[in-house]
Amino acid sequence: MPEEGKIAEGDYVLLVHKNKSWLVKVKKDKKFQTHLSTLDLSELIGKEYGCRTQDGLYYVFKPTLIDHVMKFERETQIVYPKDAAYTLLKLNIKPGSFVLELGTGSGAMTAYIANFVRPEGKVHTFDVNEEYMKVAKENITRLGLADFVDFKMFTPEIRENYYDAAFIDLGDPWKLVEVVWRSLKPGSIAAFLLPTYNQLEKLYASMEKMFLPEETVEIFIRRLQVAENRTRPQNFVVGHTAFLTYCRKVI
C-alpha cells in the first residue's frame, strides 16, 4: 500500500517549469521527455507532492480538476473555468443534484458538474456525435468521475420534470427550448452557452412563456504579471469565449 499523500505508480502528476506544465501518469521505468530534459518517472514514486525533481527543473504537484480538464483530449472547444465556475453557482448545483447537459463536447463541463453532484447526484449528458462522446467518456473515466455520468446519444425523449438544472452548449439551442423546459422541475434554472449575438437573439425569442430570463453575461479574467517595480497586466489576454444566459422555468 502506498503511503497516504505520497506519489504512487499510476498516479497523475503535474510537472511545472516556470510558465509551462505537463500532466503525466507515473510509471515505473518510464521516461518522459520535454524540450528541457528526459525525466525518469520512477524517481517520483514515494516522493511527496510539492517536491522538485532530482535535476531541479520541475516542481511536482497533485493535479487539480482544472489541471486535468485543461489537458483533456479535445475534439471540440472546451468550457473555460471562468465560465464554468460562475455557471455552477448560478445553477445551484450541489451534491445530490440531477443535471441535464445537452452538448457533451469533450466533456469539460460534464466533469465540473459531476465533481459537484457526487456522490448521490448524476449528470445525464447528450450529444449527437459518437466520436465526441467517445473522447468525453475517456476523459471522464481518467478523472474517476464516470460513476456520476450517464452518456447518451441525443434523443428528444428526455425525462420530464426530473432535473434540478440544465446546461446547454449547442449551436441551435432555440430548437430545443421546449425539450429543456419539459425536462426541468418547475422554477429550476437553465444555462445556455452561445458565442454570437445573433444566436442570443434567436434564443431569447424562443423562450417566451417558458422561461424567465434572469441575466446574460460575458466573463473576463485579467491576469497580472508581478515583478518588483514592473507589475502590470499580462500582454496576452483570453478575450471573448462565450455569452452565458441564465433563465428560470415558469409554468
Protein backbone atom coordinates (compact mmCIF):
# COMPACT_ATOMS: atom_id res chain seq x y z
CA MET A 1 0.00 0.00 0.00
CA PRO A 2 1.40 3.43 -0.94
CA GLU A 3 1.76 5.94 1.89
CA GLU A 4 -1.05 8.48 2.06
CA GLY A 5 -0.01 11.74 0.43
CA LYS A 6 2.91 10.14 -1.39
CA ILE A 7 3.16 9.70 -5.15
CA ALA A 8 2.41 6.12 -6.24
CA GLU A 9 2.77 4.31 -9.55
CA GLY A 10 -0.32 5.04 -11.66
CA ASP A 11 -0.90 8.49 -10.15
CA TYR A 12 -1.10 11.56 -12.35
CA VAL A 13 1.26 14.42 -11.51
CA LEU A 14 1.57 17.96 -12.80
CA LEU A 15 5.14 18.86 -13.73
CA VAL A 16 5.71 22.63 -13.70
CA HIS A 17 8.64 24.59 -15.08
CA LYS A 18 8.15 28.35 -14.93
CA ASN A 19 5.00 29.02 -17.02
CA LYS A 20 4.85 25.57 -18.66
CA SER A 21 3.18 22.44 -17.28
CA TRP A 22 2.70 18.80 -18.26
CA LEU A 23 0.18 16.26 -16.95
CA VAL A 24 1.93 12.91 -16.67
CA LYS A 25 0.98 9.42 -15.45
CA VAL A 26 3.71 7.99 -13.22
CA LYS A 27 5.00 4.62 -14.37
CA LYS A 28 7.98 2.62 -13.21
CA ASP A 29 10.89 2.50 -15.70
CA LYS A 30 9.19 5.05 -17.98
CA LYS A 31 10.90 8.15 -19.33
CA PHE A 32 9.15 11.46 -20.01
CA GLN A 33 10.77 13.88 -22.41
CA THR A 34 10.35 17.63 -22.81
CA HIS A 35 12.42 20.26 -24.59
CA LEU A 36 14.27 20.66 -21.27
CA SER A 37 15.27 17.12 -20.36
CA THR A 38 14.41 13.45 -20.18
CA LEU A 39 12.91 12.56 -16.79
CA ASP A 40 12.85 9.06 -15.30
CA LEU A 41 9.35 8.89 -13.77
CA SER A 42 10.44 6.10 -11.40
CA GLU A 43 12.21 8.73 -9.28
CA LEU A 44 8.85 10.28 -8.36
CA ILE A 45 7.42 7.15 -6.72
CA GLY A 46 7.31 7.60 -2.94
CA LYS A 47 8.01 11.35 -3.10
CA GLU A 48 5.71 14.00 -1.64
CA TYR A 49 3.73 16.40 -3.78
CA GLY A 50 5.33 19.81 -3.95
CA CYS A 51 8.85 18.40 -4.30
CA ARG A 52 11.32 19.13 -7.08
CA THR A 53 12.73 16.55 -9.44
CA GLN A 54 16.33 15.45 -8.94
CA ASP A 55 17.54 17.62 -11.83
CA GLY A 56 15.84 20.64 -10.22
CA LEU A 57 13.96 21.53 -13.40
CA TYR A 58 10.38 20.72 -12.37
CA TYR A 59 8.08 21.08 -9.40
CA VAL A 60 5.77 18.10 -8.91
CA PHE A 61 2.16 18.77 -7.86
CA LYS A 62 -1.04 16.82 -7.43
CA PRO A 63 -3.27 17.90 -10.35
CA THR A 64 -6.49 19.73 -9.64
CA LEU A 65 -9.70 19.20 -11.57
CA ILE A 66 -8.90 22.26 -13.69
CA ASP A 67 -5.40 20.91 -14.41
CA HIS A 68 -6.95 17.70 -15.74
CA VAL A 69 -9.65 19.42 -17.77
CA MET A 70 -7.30 21.92 -19.40
CA LYS A 71 -5.18 18.96 -20.56
CA PHE A 72 -8.18 16.97 -21.86
CA GLU A 73 -8.01 15.32 -25.24
CA ARG A 74 -10.24 17.58 -27.33
CA GLU A 75 -12.43 17.16 -30.36
CA THR A 76 -14.22 20.45 -29.58
CA GLN A 77 -13.62 23.72 -27.77
CA ILE A 78 -14.00 23.32 -24.01
CA VAL A 79 -15.87 25.46 -21.49
CA TYR A 80 -13.31 27.69 -19.78
CA PRO A 81 -13.04 27.54 -15.96
CA LYS A 82 -14.09 31.19 -15.64
CA ASP A 83 -17.39 30.43 -17.40
CA ALA A 84 -17.87 27.06 -15.68
CA ALA A 85 -17.35 28.38 -12.14
CA TYR A 86 -19.99 31.11 -12.38
CA THR A 87 -22.40 28.72 -14.09
CA LEU A 88 -22.08 26.05 -11.38
CA LEU A 89 -23.07 28.64 -8.78
CA LYS A 90 -25.88 30.14 -10.86
CA LEU A 91 -27.38 26.68 -11.45
CA ASN A 92 -27.18 25.95 -7.70
CA ILE A 93 -25.55 22.58 -8.41
CA LYS A 94 -24.65 20.65 -5.26
CA PRO A 95 -24.19 17.07 -4.01
CA GLY A 96 -27.31 15.10 -4.94
CA SER A 97 -28.37 17.31 -7.87
CA PHE A 98 -29.59 15.72 -11.09
CA VAL A 99 -28.40 17.76 -14.05
CA LEU A 100 -29.21 17.65 -17.76
CA GLU A 101 -26.45 18.56 -20.21
CA LEU A 102 -27.12 18.97 -23.92
CA GLY A 103 -23.87 19.10 -25.90
CA THR A 104 -21.23 16.91 -24.23
CA GLY A 105 -18.38 18.00 -26.47
CA SER A 106 -15.06 16.91 -24.97
CA GLY A 107 -16.58 16.59 -21.50
CA ALA A 108 -15.16 19.64 -19.72
CA MET A 109 -18.44 20.93 -18.28
CA THR A 110 -19.53 17.34 -17.71
CA ALA A 111 -16.50 16.88 -15.45
CA TYR A 112 -17.12 20.09 -13.50
CA ILE A 113 -20.77 19.20 -12.88
CA ALA A 114 -20.03 15.56 -11.99
CA ASN A 115 -17.48 16.70 -9.42
CA PHE A 116 -20.14 18.85 -7.72
CA VAL A 117 -23.09 16.40 -7.77
CA ARG A 118 -21.27 13.37 -6.35
CA PRO A 119 -21.80 11.10 -4.51
CA GLU A 120 -25.62 10.88 -4.80
CA GLY A 121 -26.25 13.06 -7.87
CA LYS A 122 -25.89 12.41 -11.57
CA VAL A 123 -25.24 14.16 -14.88
CA HIS A 124 -27.20 12.95 -17.89
CA THR A 125 -25.23 14.26 -20.87
CA PHE A 126 -26.40 14.06 -24.51
CA ASP A 127 -24.61 14.58 -27.81
CA VAL A 128 -25.24 13.78 -31.47
CA ASN A 129 -21.62 12.97 -32.32
CA GLU A 130 -20.39 9.49 -31.40
CA GLU A 131 -16.71 10.47 -31.71
CA TYR A 132 -17.14 13.39 -29.31
CA MET A 133 -18.92 11.08 -26.88
CA LYS A 134 -16.13 8.50 -27.04
CA VAL A 135 -13.46 11.11 -26.26
CA ALA A 136 -15.56 12.60 -23.44
CA LYS A 137 -16.06 9.17 -21.85
CA GLU A 138 -12.31 8.54 -21.89
CA ASN A 139 -11.63 11.96 -20.33
CA ILE A 140 -14.24 11.49 -17.58
CA THR A 141 -13.10 7.92 -16.83
CA ARG A 142 -9.50 9.09 -16.38
CA LEU A 143 -10.75 11.52 -13.74
CA GLY A 144 -12.60 8.78 -11.83
CA LEU A 145 -15.96 10.52 -12.33
CA ALA A 146 -17.63 8.03 -14.69
CA ASP A 147 -19.94 6.67 -11.97
CA PHE A 148 -21.64 10.06 -11.78
CA VAL A 149 -22.30 10.49 -15.51
CA ASP A 150 -24.70 8.79 -17.93
CA PHE A 151 -23.63 9.32 -21.55
CA LYS A 152 -26.46 9.23 -24.10
CA MET A 153 -26.78 9.82 -27.81
CA PHE A 154 -29.29 12.61 -28.29
CA THR A 155 -32.99 11.86 -28.25
CA PRO A 156 -35.92 14.17 -27.54
CA GLU A 157 -37.25 11.52 -25.13
CA ILE A 158 -35.82 13.14 -22.01
CA ARG A 159 -37.44 12.60 -18.61
CA GLU A 160 -39.99 15.30 -17.78
CA ASN A 161 -39.94 17.41 -14.59
CA TYR A 162 -36.90 15.44 -13.43
CA TYR A 163 -33.82 17.66 -13.47
CA ASP A 164 -32.71 20.25 -10.92
CA ALA A 165 -30.75 22.21 -13.54
CA ALA A 166 -29.73 22.15 -17.20
CA PHE A 167 -26.68 23.27 -19.15
CA ILE A 168 -26.98 23.66 -22.92
CA ASP A 169 -23.97 24.14 -25.20
CA LEU A 170 -25.29 23.72 -28.75
CA GLY A 171 -25.20 25.80 -31.91
CA ASP A 172 -29.01 26.00 -32.24
CA PRO A 173 -30.49 25.69 -28.74
CA TRP A 174 -33.67 27.59 -29.68
CA LYS A 175 -34.82 24.36 -31.37
CA LEU A 176 -34.67 22.54 -28.02
CA VAL A 177 -36.04 25.12 -25.61
CA GLU A 178 -39.29 23.19 -25.21
CA VAL A 179 -37.37 19.94 -24.55
CA VAL A 180 -35.34 21.71 -21.84
CA TRP A 181 -38.49 23.26 -20.37
CA ARG A 182 -40.20 19.85 -20.11
CA SER A 183 -37.15 18.25 -18.51
CA LEU A 184 -36.74 20.72 -15.65
CA LYS A 185 -38.57 20.82 -12.35
CA PRO A 186 -40.76 23.96 -12.12
CA GLY A 187 -38.76 27.04 -11.19
CA SER A 188 -35.40 25.39 -11.95
CA ILE A 189 -32.61 27.15 -13.82
CA ALA A 190 -31.17 26.52 -17.27
CA ALA A 191 -27.90 27.93 -18.59
CA PHE A 192 -27.29 28.41 -22.33
CA LEU A 193 -23.78 28.99 -23.71
CA LEU A 194 -23.56 30.76 -27.09
CA PRO A 195 -20.74 32.53 -28.93
CA THR A 196 -22.57 35.19 -31.02
CA TYR A 197 -25.12 38.00 -30.67
CA ASN A 198 -27.50 36.74 -33.33
CA GLN A 199 -27.71 33.34 -31.61
CA LEU A 200 -28.60 35.11 -28.37
CA GLU A 201 -31.42 36.97 -30.08
CA LYS A 202 -32.87 33.76 -31.50
CA LEU A 203 -32.65 32.09 -28.10
CA TYR A 204 -34.48 34.93 -26.35
CA ALA A 205 -37.22 34.93 -28.98
CA SER A 206 -37.79 31.19 -28.43
CA MET A 207 -38.07 31.35 -24.63
CA GLU A 208 -41.28 33.39 -24.36
CA LYS A 209 -43.81 31.92 -21.89
CA MET A 210 -41.48 29.03 -20.99
CA PHE A 211 -38.53 30.72 -19.27
CA LEU A 212 -37.95 33.96 -17.42
CA PRO A 213 -34.52 35.28 -18.48
CA GLU A 214 -32.50 36.27 -15.42
CA GLU A 215 -29.29 37.59 -16.97
CA THR A 216 -26.90 37.25 -19.87
CA VAL A 217 -23.23 37.81 -19.09
CA GLU A 218 -19.78 37.71 -20.59
CA ILE A 219 -16.98 36.92 -18.13
CA PHE A 220 -13.41 38.18 -18.35
CA ILE A 221 -10.32 37.48 -16.27
CA ARG A 222 -7.34 39.82 -16.34
CA ARG A 223 -4.13 38.23 -15.05
CA LEU A 224 -1.24 40.26 -13.70
CA GLN A 225 2.47 39.90 -14.31
CA VAL A 226 4.05 40.53 -10.91
CA ALA A 227 7.68 41.63 -10.51
CA GLU A 228 9.19 44.30 -8.28
CA ASN A 229 8.73 47.74 -9.86
CA ARG A 230 7.33 46.10 -13.02
CA THR A 231 3.90 44.78 -12.02
CA ARG A 232 1.33 45.19 -14.79
CA PRO A 233 -1.39 43.29 -16.67
CA GLN A 234 -0.14 40.43 -18.80
CA ASN A 235 0.22 41.16 -22.50
CA PHE A 236 -1.79 38.10 -23.52
CA VAL A 237 -5.47 38.14 -22.57
CA VAL A 238 -8.09 35.48 -23.30
CA GLY A 239 -10.80 37.58 -24.90
CA HIS A 240 -14.35 36.57 -25.79
CA THR A 241 -15.14 32.93 -25.08
CA ALA A 242 -18.93 32.85 -24.73
CA PHE A 243 -22.14 34.58 -23.75
CA LEU A 244 -23.97 32.86 -20.89
CA THR A 245 -27.72 33.17 -20.46
CA TYR A 246 -29.39 32.05 -17.24
CA CYS A 247 -33.17 31.64 -17.06
CA ARG A 248 -35.81 30.04 -14.83
CA LYS A 249 -38.59 27.69 -15.89
CA VAL A 250 -42.06 29.20 -15.49
CA ILE A 251 -45.42 27.40 -15.57
